[in-house]
N, C-alpha and C. Protein backbone atom coordinates (compact mmCIF):
# COMPACT_ATOMS: atom_id res chain seq x y z
N MET A 1 -9.72 14.95 12.57
CA MET A 1 -9.76 14.42 10.81
C MET A 1 -10.29 13.16 10.97
N LYS A 2 -10.83 13.54 9.91
CA LYS A 2 -12.02 12.01 9.36
C LYS A 2 -11.13 11.04 7.92
N ILE A 3 -11.05 9.78 8.58
CA ILE A 3 -10.95 9.08 7.30
C ILE A 3 -11.79 8.68 6.27
N GLU A 4 -11.75 8.76 5.01
CA GLU A 4 -12.08 8.93 3.87
C GLU A 4 -12.16 7.62 3.24
N ILE A 5 -13.03 7.37 2.17
CA ILE A 5 -12.87 6.25 1.40
C ILE A 5 -12.32 6.89 0.18
N LEU A 6 -11.07 6.40 -0.94
CA LEU A 6 -11.08 6.85 -2.17
C LEU A 6 -11.94 6.33 -3.23
N LYS A 7 -12.73 8.47 -3.51
CA LYS A 7 -13.80 8.39 -5.21
C LYS A 7 -13.56 7.80 -5.65
N ASN A 8 -12.82 9.35 -6.39
CA ASN A 8 -12.47 9.98 -7.48
C ASN A 8 -11.01 10.44 -8.09
N LYS A 9 -10.93 10.24 -8.95
CA LYS A 9 -9.48 10.50 -10.15
C LYS A 9 -8.75 11.35 -9.28
N LYS A 10 -8.88 12.59 -9.20
CA LYS A 10 -7.90 13.82 -8.23
C LYS A 10 -7.98 13.71 -7.20
N LYS A 11 -8.30 12.87 -6.41
CA LYS A 11 -8.02 12.28 -5.29
C LYS A 11 -6.94 11.09 -5.34
N ALA A 12 -6.95 10.59 -6.48
CA ALA A 12 -6.05 9.22 -6.43
C ALA A 12 -4.74 9.71 -6.92
N VAL A 13 -4.20 10.48 -7.54
CA VAL A 13 -3.56 11.53 -7.71
C VAL A 13 -2.68 12.04 -6.97
N ALA A 14 -3.51 12.52 -6.27
CA ALA A 14 -2.84 13.61 -4.93
C ALA A 14 -2.57 12.52 -3.78
N ILE A 15 -2.84 11.48 -3.77
CA ILE A 15 -2.78 10.11 -2.84
C ILE A 15 -1.39 9.71 -3.10
N GLY A 16 -1.19 9.72 -4.93
CA GLY A 16 0.26 8.60 -5.23
C GLY A 16 1.26 9.57 -5.30
N LYS A 17 0.83 10.92 -5.36
CA LYS A 17 1.94 11.91 -5.01
C LYS A 17 2.38 12.22 -4.00
N PHE A 18 1.34 12.01 -3.06
CA PHE A 18 1.66 12.46 -1.59
C PHE A 18 2.60 11.32 -0.92
N ILE A 19 2.39 9.69 -0.74
CA ILE A 19 2.70 8.26 -0.91
C ILE A 19 4.47 8.18 -1.49
N THR A 20 4.65 9.06 -2.42
CA THR A 20 5.45 8.92 -2.75
C THR A 20 6.86 10.02 -2.48
N SER A 21 5.73 11.12 -2.36
CA SER A 21 6.54 12.57 -1.40
C SER A 21 8.12 12.11 -0.19
N LYS A 22 8.79 13.38 -0.04
CA LYS A 22 9.42 13.53 1.23
C LYS A 22 8.51 13.40 2.04
N ALA A 23 7.46 13.63 2.36
CA ALA A 23 6.90 13.90 3.42
C ALA A 23 6.19 12.93 4.00
N ALA A 24 6.19 11.92 2.95
CA ALA A 24 5.70 9.96 3.60
C ALA A 24 6.98 8.84 3.94
N PHE A 25 7.71 9.58 2.66
CA PHE A 25 8.76 8.49 2.39
C PHE A 25 10.12 9.43 2.32
N GLU A 26 11.06 8.89 3.17
CA GLU A 26 12.30 9.15 2.72
C GLU A 26 13.25 8.71 2.46
N GLN A 27 13.06 8.19 1.06
CA GLN A 27 13.75 7.21 0.69
C GLN A 27 13.58 7.82 -1.46
N THR A 28 14.91 6.79 -1.95
CA THR A 28 15.27 6.62 -3.10
C THR A 28 14.21 6.18 -3.93
N TRP A 29 12.99 6.34 -4.77
CA TRP A 29 12.80 5.54 -6.04
C TRP A 29 13.05 5.33 -7.03
N THR A 30 12.98 4.29 -7.32
CA THR A 30 12.96 3.92 -8.92
C THR A 30 12.02 4.27 -9.72
N PRO A 31 12.77 4.87 -10.97
CA PRO A 31 11.05 5.13 -12.00
C PRO A 31 10.08 4.31 -11.65
N ASP A 32 10.03 3.27 -11.85
CA ASP A 32 9.75 2.21 -11.93
C ASP A 32 8.30 2.21 -10.74
N GLU A 33 9.07 1.76 -9.73
CA GLU A 33 8.84 1.70 -9.00
C GLU A 33 7.78 3.01 -8.09
N LYS A 34 8.26 4.52 -8.64
CA LYS A 34 7.65 5.82 -8.11
C LYS A 34 6.31 5.15 -8.85
N ARG A 35 6.57 4.92 -10.01
CA ARG A 35 4.81 5.05 -11.44
C ARG A 35 4.04 4.09 -10.80
N ARG A 36 4.49 2.78 -10.55
CA ARG A 36 3.70 1.93 -9.97
C ARG A 36 2.65 2.03 -8.56
N VAL A 37 3.74 3.04 -7.53
CA VAL A 37 2.78 3.96 -6.65
C VAL A 37 2.44 4.70 -6.43
N GLN A 38 2.81 5.12 -7.48
CA GLN A 38 1.50 6.60 -8.53
C GLN A 38 -0.05 6.59 -8.99
N GLU A 39 0.37 5.74 -9.68
CA GLU A 39 -0.68 4.72 -10.65
C GLU A 39 -1.44 3.83 -9.48
N ALA A 40 -1.14 3.04 -8.54
CA ALA A 40 -2.18 1.95 -7.67
C ALA A 40 -3.47 2.58 -7.31
N PRO A 41 -3.45 3.56 -6.82
CA PRO A 41 -4.76 4.21 -6.55
C PRO A 41 -5.63 5.07 -7.56
N LEU A 42 -4.97 4.91 -8.57
CA LEU A 42 -6.14 5.12 -9.76
C LEU A 42 -6.60 3.92 -9.64
N GLU A 43 -6.05 2.60 -10.29
CA GLU A 43 -6.00 1.02 -10.21
C GLU A 43 -6.85 0.97 -9.33
N SER A 44 -7.04 1.47 -8.24
CA SER A 44 -8.11 1.12 -7.13
C SER A 44 -9.53 1.81 -7.31
N LEU A 45 -9.76 2.04 -8.40
CA LEU A 45 -11.03 3.03 -8.41
C LEU A 45 -11.77 2.18 -9.43
N THR A 46 -11.05 0.94 -10.20
CA THR A 46 -12.00 0.11 -11.00
C THR A 46 -11.87 -1.08 -10.58
N ASN A 47 -11.20 -1.11 -8.87
CA ASN A 47 -10.91 -2.97 -8.96
C ASN A 47 -12.17 -2.89 -7.60
N PRO A 48 -13.42 -3.90 -7.30
CA PRO A 48 -13.96 -3.09 -6.44
C PRO A 48 -12.65 -4.00 -4.53
N LEU A 49 -11.89 -5.13 -5.31
CA LEU A 49 -10.87 -5.60 -4.03
C LEU A 49 -9.75 -4.70 -3.99
N HIS A 50 -10.31 -3.81 -4.42
CA HIS A 50 -8.61 -3.09 -4.87
C HIS A 50 -8.63 -1.68 -4.02
N GLN A 51 -8.60 -1.21 -2.63
CA GLN A 51 -9.83 0.07 -2.23
C GLN A 51 -8.01 0.76 -1.48
N TYR A 52 -8.40 1.62 -0.75
CA TYR A 52 -7.73 3.29 -0.46
C TYR A 52 -8.66 3.88 0.02
N TRP A 53 -7.81 4.17 1.11
CA TRP A 53 -8.72 5.16 1.95
C TRP A 53 -7.34 6.86 2.34
N TYR A 54 -8.01 7.56 3.25
CA TYR A 54 -6.88 8.80 2.83
C TYR A 54 -8.01 9.65 4.79
N ILE A 55 -7.09 10.56 4.96
CA ILE A 55 -6.75 11.60 5.55
C ILE A 55 -6.71 12.73 5.78
N GLU A 56 -7.35 14.25 5.79
CA GLU A 56 -7.11 15.21 4.69
C GLU A 56 -7.30 16.03 6.07
N ASP A 57 -6.30 16.75 6.29
CA ASP A 57 -6.17 18.12 7.54
C ASP A 57 -5.95 19.30 6.44
N LYS A 58 -7.30 20.32 6.85
CA LYS A 58 -6.59 21.69 6.08
C LYS A 58 -6.38 21.40 4.62
N GLY A 59 -7.50 20.46 3.70
CA GLY A 59 -7.34 20.30 2.32
C GLY A 59 -5.86 18.89 2.11
N GLN A 60 -5.12 19.28 2.83
CA GLN A 60 -3.81 18.37 2.57
C GLN A 60 -3.65 17.03 3.27
N ILE A 61 -3.83 15.82 2.30
CA ILE A 61 -3.64 14.72 2.19
C ILE A 61 -2.29 14.44 3.76
N VAL A 62 -2.87 13.79 4.91
CA VAL A 62 -1.82 13.66 5.90
C VAL A 62 -1.56 12.02 5.96
N GLY A 63 -2.66 10.81 5.30
CA GLY A 63 -2.35 9.36 5.30
C GLY A 63 -3.07 8.93 4.47
N ALA A 64 -2.18 7.64 3.83
CA ALA A 64 -3.35 7.15 3.38
C ALA A 64 -3.05 5.09 3.24
N ILE A 65 -4.21 5.10 3.17
CA ILE A 65 -3.49 3.75 3.00
C ILE A 65 -4.01 2.87 1.51
N GLY A 66 -3.70 1.90 0.78
CA GLY A 66 -3.89 1.39 -0.04
C GLY A 66 -4.34 -0.62 0.42
N ILE A 67 -5.00 -1.17 -0.35
CA ILE A 67 -4.73 -2.84 -0.13
C ILE A 67 -5.70 -3.35 -1.00
N ASN A 68 -5.08 -4.28 -1.80
CA ASN A 68 -5.35 -4.86 -3.11
C ASN A 68 -5.45 -6.62 -3.09
N GLU A 69 -6.04 -7.77 -3.65
CA GLU A 69 -6.70 -8.99 -3.55
C GLU A 69 -5.45 -8.87 -4.44
N ASN A 70 -4.46 -9.98 -4.33
CA ASN A 70 -3.18 -10.64 -4.75
C ASN A 70 -3.63 -11.33 -6.38
N LYS A 71 -2.43 -11.81 -6.92
CA LYS A 71 -2.84 -11.40 -8.40
C LYS A 71 -3.16 -12.75 -8.58
N TYR A 72 -3.27 -13.70 -7.56
CA TYR A 72 -4.19 -15.06 -8.35
C TYR A 72 -5.65 -14.62 -7.79
N LYS A 73 -6.49 -13.60 -7.37
CA LYS A 73 -7.72 -13.60 -6.80
C LYS A 73 -7.84 -14.61 -6.35
N ASN A 74 -7.50 -15.12 -5.00
CA ASN A 74 -7.80 -16.10 -3.90
C ASN A 74 -8.19 -15.56 -2.40
N LEU A 75 -8.30 -14.40 -2.00
CA LEU A 75 -8.94 -13.75 -1.80
C LEU A 75 -8.12 -13.32 -0.24
N GLY A 76 -6.03 -13.35 -0.84
CA GLY A 76 -5.50 -13.03 -0.21
C GLY A 76 -5.04 -11.57 -0.77
N PHE A 77 -4.50 -10.84 0.55
CA PHE A 77 -4.78 -9.44 0.30
C PHE A 77 -3.48 -8.96 0.52
N GLU A 78 -2.72 -7.95 0.14
CA GLU A 78 -1.33 -7.82 -0.25
C GLU A 78 -1.66 -5.77 -0.61
N MET A 79 0.15 -5.40 0.27
CA MET A 79 0.63 -4.17 0.73
C MET A 79 1.40 -4.33 -0.58
N ASP A 80 1.51 -4.01 -1.64
CA ASP A 80 3.25 -4.52 -2.32
C ASP A 80 3.75 -3.05 -3.53
N ASN A 81 2.60 -2.53 -3.66
CA ASN A 81 2.26 -1.66 -4.68
C ASN A 81 1.50 -0.24 -3.66
N ASP A 82 0.94 -0.88 -2.99
CA ASP A 82 -0.11 -0.39 -1.57
C ASP A 82 1.01 -0.10 -0.55
N TYR A 83 0.51 1.45 -0.11
CA TYR A 83 1.51 1.02 1.06
C TYR A 83 0.04 2.36 2.16
N VAL A 84 0.81 2.04 3.67
CA VAL A 84 0.30 2.91 4.60
C VAL A 84 1.50 4.23 4.56
N ALA A 85 1.10 5.46 4.85
CA ALA A 85 1.41 6.20 5.25
C ALA A 85 1.25 7.54 5.29
N ILE A 86 1.83 7.51 6.51
CA ILE A 86 1.38 8.98 7.12
C ILE A 86 2.42 10.39 7.09
N HIS A 87 2.40 11.17 6.73
CA HIS A 87 3.04 12.35 6.81
C HIS A 87 3.37 12.54 8.22
N LYS A 88 4.80 13.45 7.97
CA LYS A 88 6.13 13.00 8.95
C LYS A 88 5.88 13.58 10.04
N LYS A 89 4.84 15.02 9.85
CA LYS A 89 4.44 16.13 10.96
C LYS A 89 3.19 15.43 11.65
N TYR A 90 2.54 14.25 11.31
CA TYR A 90 1.58 13.76 12.22
C TYR A 90 1.59 12.34 12.27
N ARG A 91 2.92 11.78 12.59
CA ARG A 91 3.20 10.88 13.19
C ARG A 91 3.24 10.65 14.56
N ARG A 92 3.00 9.26 15.06
CA ARG A 92 3.04 8.98 16.92
C ARG A 92 1.22 9.83 17.09
N GLU A 93 0.33 9.66 15.78
CA GLU A 93 -0.82 10.12 16.60
C GLU A 93 -1.66 9.25 16.42
N GLY A 94 -1.51 8.02 15.91
CA GLY A 94 -2.28 7.11 15.83
C GLY A 94 -3.25 6.73 14.61
N LEU A 95 -2.58 7.77 13.71
CA LEU A 95 -3.45 7.47 12.24
C LEU A 95 -3.28 6.40 11.43
N GLY A 96 -2.19 5.84 11.07
CA GLY A 96 -1.48 4.98 11.09
C GLY A 96 -2.15 3.58 11.25
N SER A 97 -2.39 3.20 12.76
CA SER A 97 -2.98 2.80 13.11
C SER A 97 -4.89 2.24 12.81
N LYS A 98 -5.30 3.55 12.55
CA LYS A 98 -6.66 3.33 12.57
C LYS A 98 -6.90 3.28 10.56
N LEU A 99 -5.99 3.39 10.29
CA LEU A 99 -6.26 3.31 8.40
C LEU A 99 -5.75 1.32 8.83
N LEU A 100 -4.95 1.41 9.06
CA LEU A 100 -4.70 -0.29 8.82
C LEU A 100 -5.66 -1.16 9.22
N GLN A 101 -6.67 -0.30 10.12
CA GLN A 101 -7.37 -1.05 10.71
C GLN A 101 -9.38 -1.10 9.89
N LYS A 102 -8.86 0.07 9.43
CA LYS A 102 -9.82 0.23 8.19
C LYS A 102 -9.81 -1.01 6.76
N ALA A 103 -8.45 -0.98 6.61
CA ALA A 103 -7.55 -2.26 6.13
C ALA A 103 -8.28 -3.59 6.13
N GLU A 104 -8.08 -3.70 7.18
CA GLU A 104 -8.08 -5.30 7.94
C GLU A 104 -9.80 -5.66 7.65
N ARG A 105 -9.94 -3.98 8.16
CA ARG A 105 -11.85 -4.36 7.94
C ARG A 105 -12.91 -4.61 7.03
N PHE A 106 -12.28 -4.00 6.13
CA PHE A 106 -12.22 -4.26 4.71
C PHE A 106 -12.01 -5.68 4.03
N VAL A 107 -11.03 -6.40 4.26
CA VAL A 107 -10.09 -7.37 3.85
C VAL A 107 -11.56 -8.74 4.47
N LYS A 108 -11.96 -8.44 6.26
CA LYS A 108 -12.63 -9.11 6.76
C LYS A 108 -14.02 -9.38 5.96
N MET A 109 -15.02 -8.13 5.58
CA MET A 109 -15.49 -8.03 4.85
C MET A 109 -15.55 -8.90 3.61
N LYS A 110 -14.76 -8.97 2.71
CA LYS A 110 -14.38 -9.13 1.71
C LYS A 110 -14.21 -10.62 1.93
N LYS A 111 -14.27 -11.17 2.92
CA LYS A 111 -13.94 -12.85 3.32
C LYS A 111 -12.60 -12.52 3.42
N GLY A 112 -11.15 -12.16 3.09
CA GLY A 112 -10.45 -12.33 3.11
C GLY A 112 -9.43 -12.76 3.97
N ARG A 113 -8.48 -13.91 3.53
CA ARG A 113 -7.35 -15.20 4.50
C ARG A 113 -6.63 -14.07 4.82
N TYR A 114 -6.37 -13.48 4.08
CA TYR A 114 -4.77 -12.78 5.32
C TYR A 114 -4.11 -11.42 4.22
N ILE A 115 -3.51 -10.30 4.80
CA ILE A 115 -2.96 -8.92 4.56
C ILE A 115 -1.23 -9.84 4.50
N HIS A 116 -0.77 -9.44 3.48
CA HIS A 116 0.10 -9.79 3.24
C HIS A 116 1.48 -8.31 3.23
N ILE A 117 2.13 -8.27 3.86
CA ILE A 117 2.91 -6.46 3.36
C ILE A 117 4.30 -6.93 3.35
N LEU A 118 4.47 -6.11 2.32
CA LEU A 118 6.11 -5.92 1.42
C LEU A 118 6.53 -5.03 2.03
N SER A 119 8.48 -5.03 2.75
CA SER A 119 7.97 -3.81 3.22
C SER A 119 9.98 -4.04 3.54
N CYS A 120 10.70 -3.44 3.69
CA CYS A 120 12.28 -3.52 3.27
C CYS A 120 13.44 -2.73 4.56
N ASP A 121 14.07 -3.37 4.34
CA ASP A 121 15.50 -3.08 5.47
C ASP A 121 16.14 -2.25 5.66
N ILE A 122 15.90 -1.47 4.84
CA ILE A 122 16.93 -0.45 5.35
C ILE A 122 16.31 0.83 6.30
N LYS A 123 16.77 1.20 6.81
CA LYS A 123 17.02 2.28 8.42
C LYS A 123 15.85 2.81 7.79
N SER A 124 15.40 3.53 7.48
CA SER A 124 14.09 4.63 7.60
C SER A 124 12.79 3.96 7.76
N TYR A 125 13.14 2.59 7.19
CA TYR A 125 12.09 1.56 7.28
C TYR A 125 11.71 1.46 8.74
N LYS A 126 12.36 1.64 9.68
CA LYS A 126 12.16 0.43 10.66
C LYS A 126 11.01 0.63 11.50
N PRO A 127 10.93 2.03 11.42
CA PRO A 127 9.84 2.59 12.12
C PRO A 127 8.50 1.89 11.68
N ALA A 128 8.34 1.68 10.32
CA ALA A 128 6.87 0.59 10.27
C ALA A 128 7.65 -0.63 10.12
N ARG A 129 7.83 -1.34 10.29
CA ARG A 129 8.34 -2.37 10.32
C ARG A 129 7.96 -2.79 12.32
N ILE A 130 8.67 -2.08 13.00
CA ILE A 130 7.72 -2.24 14.52
C ILE A 130 6.98 -1.80 14.71
N PHE A 131 5.77 -1.30 13.36
CA PHE A 131 4.46 -1.29 13.38
C PHE A 131 3.87 -1.93 13.19
N PHE A 132 4.27 -2.62 12.01
CA PHE A 132 3.71 -3.84 11.38
C PHE A 132 4.03 -4.99 12.39
N VAL A 133 4.67 -5.05 13.25
CA VAL A 133 4.78 -6.19 14.51
C VAL A 133 3.97 -5.66 15.69
N LYS A 134 3.65 -4.12 16.01
CA LYS A 134 2.57 -4.10 16.89
C LYS A 134 1.55 -4.29 16.94
N ASN A 135 1.50 -3.82 15.65
CA ASN A 135 -0.33 -4.13 15.08
C ASN A 135 -0.55 -5.65 14.48
N GLY A 136 0.05 -6.77 15.42
CA GLY A 136 -0.14 -8.49 15.17
C GLY A 136 0.72 -9.12 13.77
N TYR A 137 1.49 -8.29 12.89
CA TYR A 137 1.89 -9.17 11.49
C TYR A 137 3.36 -10.13 12.22
N LYS A 138 3.11 -11.26 11.38
CA LYS A 138 4.43 -11.74 12.33
C LYS A 138 5.53 -11.78 10.86
N GLN A 139 6.60 -11.58 10.60
CA GLN A 139 7.48 -11.74 9.69
C GLN A 139 8.08 -13.08 9.47
N VAL A 140 7.56 -13.48 8.09
CA VAL A 140 7.88 -14.39 7.29
C VAL A 140 8.97 -15.05 6.13
N ALA A 141 10.03 -13.72 5.89
CA ALA A 141 10.85 -14.10 5.04
C ALA A 141 11.42 -13.01 5.13
N ASN A 142 12.51 -13.00 4.47
CA ASN A 142 14.00 -11.94 4.77
C ASN A 142 14.84 -11.86 3.58
N ILE A 143 14.48 -11.48 2.38
CA ILE A 143 15.47 -11.93 1.30
C ILE A 143 17.11 -10.56 0.98
N PRO A 144 17.56 -10.78 1.41
CA PRO A 144 18.65 -9.66 1.31
C PRO A 144 18.70 -8.93 -0.38
N ASN A 145 19.21 -7.80 -0.44
CA ASN A 145 19.42 -7.48 -1.68
C ASN A 145 18.40 -7.66 -2.76
N TYR A 146 17.01 -7.59 -2.64
CA TYR A 146 15.71 -8.62 -3.36
C TYR A 146 15.88 -6.55 -3.83
N TYR A 147 15.12 -5.75 -3.79
CA TYR A 147 15.18 -4.92 -4.41
C TYR A 147 16.49 -3.52 -5.22
N VAL A 148 17.31 -3.39 -4.68
CA VAL A 148 18.74 -3.14 -4.85
C VAL A 148 20.34 -3.69 -4.73
N THR A 149 21.29 -3.50 -4.46
CA THR A 149 22.31 -4.16 -3.18
C THR A 149 22.36 -2.95 -2.26
N GLY A 150 22.61 -3.87 -1.18
CA GLY A 150 22.40 -2.86 0.01
C GLY A 150 20.52 -2.74 0.57
N GLU A 151 19.48 -2.97 -0.49
CA GLU A 151 18.18 -2.87 0.45
C GLU A 151 17.23 -4.25 0.10
N GLY A 152 17.69 -5.15 1.21
CA GLY A 152 16.58 -5.56 0.67
C GLY A 152 15.61 -6.19 1.52
N ARG A 153 14.33 -7.13 1.20
CA ARG A 153 12.60 -7.15 1.49
C ARG A 153 12.59 -8.29 2.76
N ILE A 154 12.21 -7.04 3.72
CA ILE A 154 10.94 -8.19 4.58
C ILE A 154 9.47 -8.08 4.22
N ASP A 155 9.24 -9.41 4.74
CA ASP A 155 7.68 -9.79 4.61
C ASP A 155 6.93 -9.69 5.55
N TYR A 156 5.71 -9.19 6.15
CA TYR A 156 5.14 -9.83 6.65
C TYR A 156 3.31 -9.82 6.51
N ILE A 157 2.61 -10.75 8.04
CA ILE A 157 1.79 -11.22 7.30
C ILE A 157 0.77 -10.92 8.59
N LYS A 158 -0.61 -11.09 8.20
CA LYS A 158 -1.26 -11.40 9.45
C LYS A 158 -2.36 -11.69 8.44
N THR A 159 -3.29 -13.47 9.50
CA THR A 159 -4.09 -14.31 9.00
C THR A 159 -4.93 -14.22 9.66
N PHE A 160 -6.56 -14.21 8.92
CA PHE A 160 -7.74 -13.91 9.54
C PHE A 160 -8.62 -14.85 9.47
N ILE A 161 -7.68 -16.49 8.64
CA ILE A 161 -8.86 -17.40 9.14
C ILE A 161 -8.22 -18.59 9.64
């Protein structure tokens, strides 16, 4: 399986649908959250500092990652509406690490200062939180009940300068 860079609208729509599918995340999306996450790959097609990569197996997307320069346009990058997602049947094969390495190389190539990842504290996100720490990200914030009551936000950062 090869990592591809997102280049067209059809794949962007497919990536958005994959990331918000039960195969990628077992969670309830708020309507606005789901819309934002599905639109993010499309938005990346017109912004050179917003990029997506994906992996397919037999024509089906089984992994994807997106990274975007933050709203301050100061070469800080983030994963907020952009996610790293691996199909549940393909986990523990190293695909997430390979995608994350692609995103990190992109940020370094653009002279980015850091990657800031917004995650959450619900049980189903525990493997993701372990994954981020394993890949050198440091937890820098924990905001209880941030998203909804009972679902807090956890922030991670990895600096490159």
